[in-house]
Amino acid sequence: MWQTLAKEFRWFLAALVLSAPLSLLFWLLHRTIATPDGVPTPLTTRIFGIGWAVMFACLYVGRITVRFVRDRLID
């Protein structure tokens, strides 16, 4: 049980760390979309936090989905 919990905690930390550069990448790609006034969107704490939360959720939902499918195919 402790090994499984430690493995999940390591994955959780890795998802936290990986979410930051992914949210920056998303913001850089988002800046390529032209706004009506031609000014790119600035990086604010709010935008970065929203991007980080979305990327973290995507990573973790992907992990849960893969584990569910893998467990169903093995059994």
N, C-alpha and C. Protein backbone atom coordinates (compact mmCIF):
# COMPACT_ATOMS: atom_id res chain seq x y z
N MET A 1 0.81 -1.18 0.00
CA MET A 1 0.00 0.00 0.00
C MET A 1 0.87 1.26 0.00
N TRP A 2 1.92 1.28 0.83
CA TRP A 2 2.77 2.47 0.90
C TRP A 2 3.52 2.70 -0.40
N GLN A 3 3.89 1.62 -1.07
CA GLN A 3 4.58 1.78 -2.35
C GLN A 3 3.66 2.41 -3.39
N THR A 4 2.41 1.98 -3.42
CA THR A 4 1.45 2.55 -4.36
C THR A 4 1.18 4.02 -4.03
N LEU A 5 1.05 4.32 -2.75
CA LEU A 5 0.83 5.70 -2.34
C LEU A 5 2.03 6.58 -2.67
N ALA A 6 3.23 6.08 -2.46
CA ALA A 6 4.44 6.84 -2.79
C ALA A 6 4.55 7.06 -4.30
N LYS A 7 4.20 6.05 -5.08
CA LYS A 7 4.24 6.18 -6.53
C LYS A 7 3.24 7.23 -7.02
N GLU A 8 2.05 7.21 -6.45
CA GLU A 8 1.03 8.18 -6.82
C GLU A 8 1.45 9.59 -6.40
N PHE A 9 2.06 9.73 -5.25
CA PHE A 9 2.53 11.03 -4.79
C PHE A 9 3.64 11.57 -5.69
N ARG A 10 4.56 10.70 -6.13
CA ARG A 10 5.60 11.12 -7.07
C ARG A 10 4.99 11.58 -8.38
N TRP A 11 3.98 10.86 -8.86
CA TRP A 11 3.33 11.25 -10.10
C TRP A 11 2.62 12.58 -9.93
N PHE A 12 1.99 12.77 -8.78
CA PHE A 12 1.32 14.03 -8.48
C PHE A 12 2.31 15.19 -8.50
N LEU A 13 3.46 15.04 -7.89
CA LEU A 13 4.49 16.08 -7.90
C LEU A 13 5.01 16.33 -9.31
N ALA A 14 5.21 15.27 -10.08
CA ALA A 14 5.68 15.43 -11.46
C ALA A 14 4.64 16.19 -12.29
N ALA A 15 3.37 15.92 -12.07
CA ALA A 15 2.32 16.65 -12.80
C ALA A 15 2.30 18.11 -12.40
N LEU A 16 2.55 18.40 -11.12
CA LEU A 16 2.62 19.79 -10.69
C LEU A 16 3.76 20.53 -11.38
N VAL A 17 4.91 19.89 -11.45
CA VAL A 17 6.09 20.53 -12.05
C VAL A 17 5.92 20.66 -13.56
N LEU A 18 5.38 19.65 -14.21
CA LEU A 18 5.22 19.67 -15.66
C LEU A 18 4.13 20.65 -16.11
N SER A 19 3.19 20.94 -15.25
CA SER A 19 2.10 21.85 -15.61
C SER A 19 2.59 23.28 -15.84
N ALA A 20 3.62 23.70 -15.14
CA ALA A 20 4.11 25.08 -15.28
C ALA A 20 4.66 25.35 -16.68
N PRO A 21 5.62 24.54 -17.20
CA PRO A 21 6.08 24.84 -18.56
C PRO A 21 5.01 24.63 -19.62
N LEU A 22 4.09 23.70 -19.41
CA LEU A 22 3.01 23.51 -20.37
C LEU A 22 2.08 24.72 -20.41
N SER A 23 1.83 25.32 -19.25
CA SER A 23 0.98 26.50 -19.25
C SER A 23 1.69 27.68 -19.91
N LEU A 24 3.01 27.79 -19.74
CA LEU A 24 3.76 28.84 -20.44
C LEU A 24 3.74 28.61 -21.95
N LEU A 25 3.86 27.36 -22.37
CA LEU A 25 3.78 27.04 -23.79
C LEU A 25 2.40 27.39 -24.35
N PHE A 26 1.36 27.06 -23.60
CA PHE A 26 0.01 27.40 -24.02
C PHE A 26 -0.14 28.91 -24.15
N TRP A 27 0.41 29.67 -23.20
CA TRP A 27 0.31 31.12 -23.25
C TRP A 27 1.06 31.67 -24.47
N LEU A 28 2.24 31.12 -24.76
CA LEU A 28 3.00 31.58 -25.93
C LEU A 28 2.23 31.29 -27.22
N LEU A 29 1.59 30.13 -27.30
CA LEU A 29 0.77 29.82 -28.47
C LEU A 29 -0.46 30.70 -28.53
N HIS A 30 -1.02 31.02 -27.37
CA HIS A 30 -2.20 31.87 -27.32
C HIS A 30 -1.88 33.29 -27.80
N ARG A 31 -0.67 33.74 -27.57
CA ARG A 31 -0.25 35.08 -28.00
C ARG A 31 -0.19 35.21 -29.51
N THR A 32 -0.11 34.08 -30.23
CA THR A 32 -0.05 34.15 -31.69
C THR A 32 -1.41 34.48 -32.31
N ILE A 33 -2.48 34.35 -31.54
CA ILE A 33 -3.81 34.71 -32.02
C ILE A 33 -3.93 36.23 -31.98
N ALA A 34 -4.26 36.81 -33.10
CA ALA A 34 -4.37 38.27 -33.18
C ALA A 34 -5.63 38.75 -32.48
N THR A 35 -5.48 39.74 -31.63
CA THR A 35 -6.64 40.35 -30.98
C THR A 35 -7.16 41.48 -31.87
N PRO A 36 -8.37 41.93 -31.65
CA PRO A 36 -8.91 42.99 -32.50
C PRO A 36 -8.06 44.26 -32.53
N ASP A 37 -7.45 44.61 -31.41
CA ASP A 37 -6.63 45.82 -31.39
C ASP A 37 -5.17 45.55 -31.73
N GLY A 38 -4.81 44.29 -31.98
CA GLY A 38 -3.45 43.94 -32.40
C GLY A 38 -2.45 43.81 -31.27
N VAL A 39 -2.90 43.92 -30.02
CA VAL A 39 -2.00 43.83 -28.87
C VAL A 39 -2.06 42.41 -28.32
N PRO A 40 -0.91 41.73 -28.19
CA PRO A 40 -0.94 40.37 -27.62
C PRO A 40 -1.32 40.41 -26.14
N THR A 41 -1.86 39.32 -25.67
CA THR A 41 -2.29 39.25 -24.27
C THR A 41 -1.07 39.18 -23.35
N PRO A 42 -1.06 39.97 -22.30
CA PRO A 42 0.08 39.91 -21.36
C PRO A 42 -0.05 38.70 -20.44
N LEU A 43 1.08 38.25 -19.91
CA LEU A 43 1.06 37.14 -18.96
C LEU A 43 0.82 37.71 -17.57
N THR A 44 -0.34 37.43 -17.03
CA THR A 44 -0.65 37.86 -15.67
C THR A 44 -0.67 36.64 -14.77
N THR A 45 -0.67 36.88 -13.49
CA THR A 45 -0.73 35.78 -12.53
C THR A 45 -2.02 34.99 -12.70
N ARG A 46 -3.09 35.69 -12.98
CA ARG A 46 -4.38 35.03 -13.16
C ARG A 46 -4.36 34.11 -14.38
N ILE A 47 -3.85 34.61 -15.50
CA ILE A 47 -3.79 33.80 -16.72
C ILE A 47 -2.87 32.59 -16.51
N PHE A 48 -1.71 32.81 -15.88
CA PHE A 48 -0.80 31.71 -15.63
C PHE A 48 -1.44 30.69 -14.69
N GLY A 49 -2.12 31.14 -13.66
CA GLY A 49 -2.78 30.22 -12.72
C GLY A 49 -3.87 29.40 -13.38
N ILE A 50 -4.65 30.04 -14.23
CA ILE A 50 -5.70 29.31 -14.94
C ILE A 50 -5.08 28.29 -15.89
N GLY A 51 -4.05 28.70 -16.62
CA GLY A 51 -3.37 27.77 -17.52
C GLY A 51 -2.74 26.61 -16.77
N TRP A 52 -2.14 26.91 -15.63
CA TRP A 52 -1.52 25.86 -14.81
C TRP A 52 -2.57 24.88 -14.32
N ALA A 53 -3.70 25.38 -13.83
CA ALA A 53 -4.75 24.50 -13.33
C ALA A 53 -5.33 23.63 -14.44
N VAL A 54 -5.53 24.21 -15.63
CA VAL A 54 -6.05 23.43 -16.75
C VAL A 54 -5.07 22.35 -17.17
N MET A 55 -3.80 22.69 -17.28
CA MET A 55 -2.80 21.69 -17.67
C MET A 55 -2.67 20.60 -16.62
N PHE A 56 -2.71 20.97 -15.35
CA PHE A 56 -2.64 19.97 -14.28
C PHE A 56 -3.83 19.03 -14.35
N ALA A 57 -5.01 19.60 -14.54
CA ALA A 57 -6.21 18.77 -14.63
C ALA A 57 -6.14 17.83 -15.83
N CYS A 58 -5.65 18.34 -16.96
CA CYS A 58 -5.52 17.48 -18.15
C CYS A 58 -4.55 16.34 -17.90
N LEU A 59 -3.42 16.63 -17.29
CA LEU A 59 -2.44 15.58 -17.00
C LEU A 59 -3.01 14.54 -16.05
N TYR A 60 -3.67 15.00 -15.01
CA TYR A 60 -4.16 14.06 -14.02
C TYR A 60 -5.35 13.25 -14.54
N VAL A 61 -6.24 13.87 -15.29
CA VAL A 61 -7.37 13.13 -15.89
C VAL A 61 -6.84 12.11 -16.89
N GLY A 62 -5.81 12.48 -17.64
CA GLY A 62 -5.18 11.52 -18.55
C GLY A 62 -4.60 10.34 -17.81
N ARG A 63 -3.96 10.61 -16.69
CA ARG A 63 -3.38 9.51 -15.89
C ARG A 63 -4.48 8.59 -15.38
N ILE A 64 -5.55 9.16 -14.86
CA ILE A 64 -6.65 8.34 -14.34
C ILE A 64 -7.29 7.53 -15.46
N THR A 65 -7.47 8.14 -16.62
CA THR A 65 -8.06 7.44 -17.76
C THR A 65 -7.18 6.29 -18.22
N VAL A 66 -5.90 6.53 -18.33
CA VAL A 66 -4.98 5.46 -18.75
C VAL A 66 -4.96 4.33 -17.74
N ARG A 67 -4.93 4.65 -16.45
CA ARG A 67 -4.96 3.60 -15.43
C ARG A 67 -6.24 2.79 -15.50
N PHE A 68 -7.38 3.47 -15.72
CA PHE A 68 -8.66 2.77 -15.79
C PHE A 68 -8.70 1.83 -16.99
N VAL A 69 -8.28 2.33 -18.15
CA VAL A 69 -8.29 1.50 -19.37
C VAL A 69 -7.31 0.34 -19.23
N ARG A 70 -6.13 0.62 -18.70
CA ARG A 70 -5.12 -0.44 -18.54
C ARG A 70 -5.61 -1.53 -17.59
N ASP A 71 -6.22 -1.11 -16.47
CA ASP A 71 -6.73 -2.10 -15.52
C ASP A 71 -7.87 -2.92 -16.10
N ARG A 72 -8.72 -2.30 -16.92
CA ARG A 72 -9.83 -3.03 -17.53
C ARG A 72 -9.34 -4.00 -18.61
N LEU A 73 -8.30 -3.63 -19.34
CA LEU A 73 -7.80 -4.51 -20.40
C LEU A 73 -6.99 -5.67 -19.83
N ILE A 74 -6.35 -5.47 -18.68
CA ILE A 74 -5.55 -6.54 -18.08
C ILE A 74 -6.45 -7.57 -17.42
N ASP A 75 -7.53 -7.13 -16.78
CA ASP A 75 -8.42 -8.07 -16.09
C ASP A 75 -9.28 -8.85 -17.03
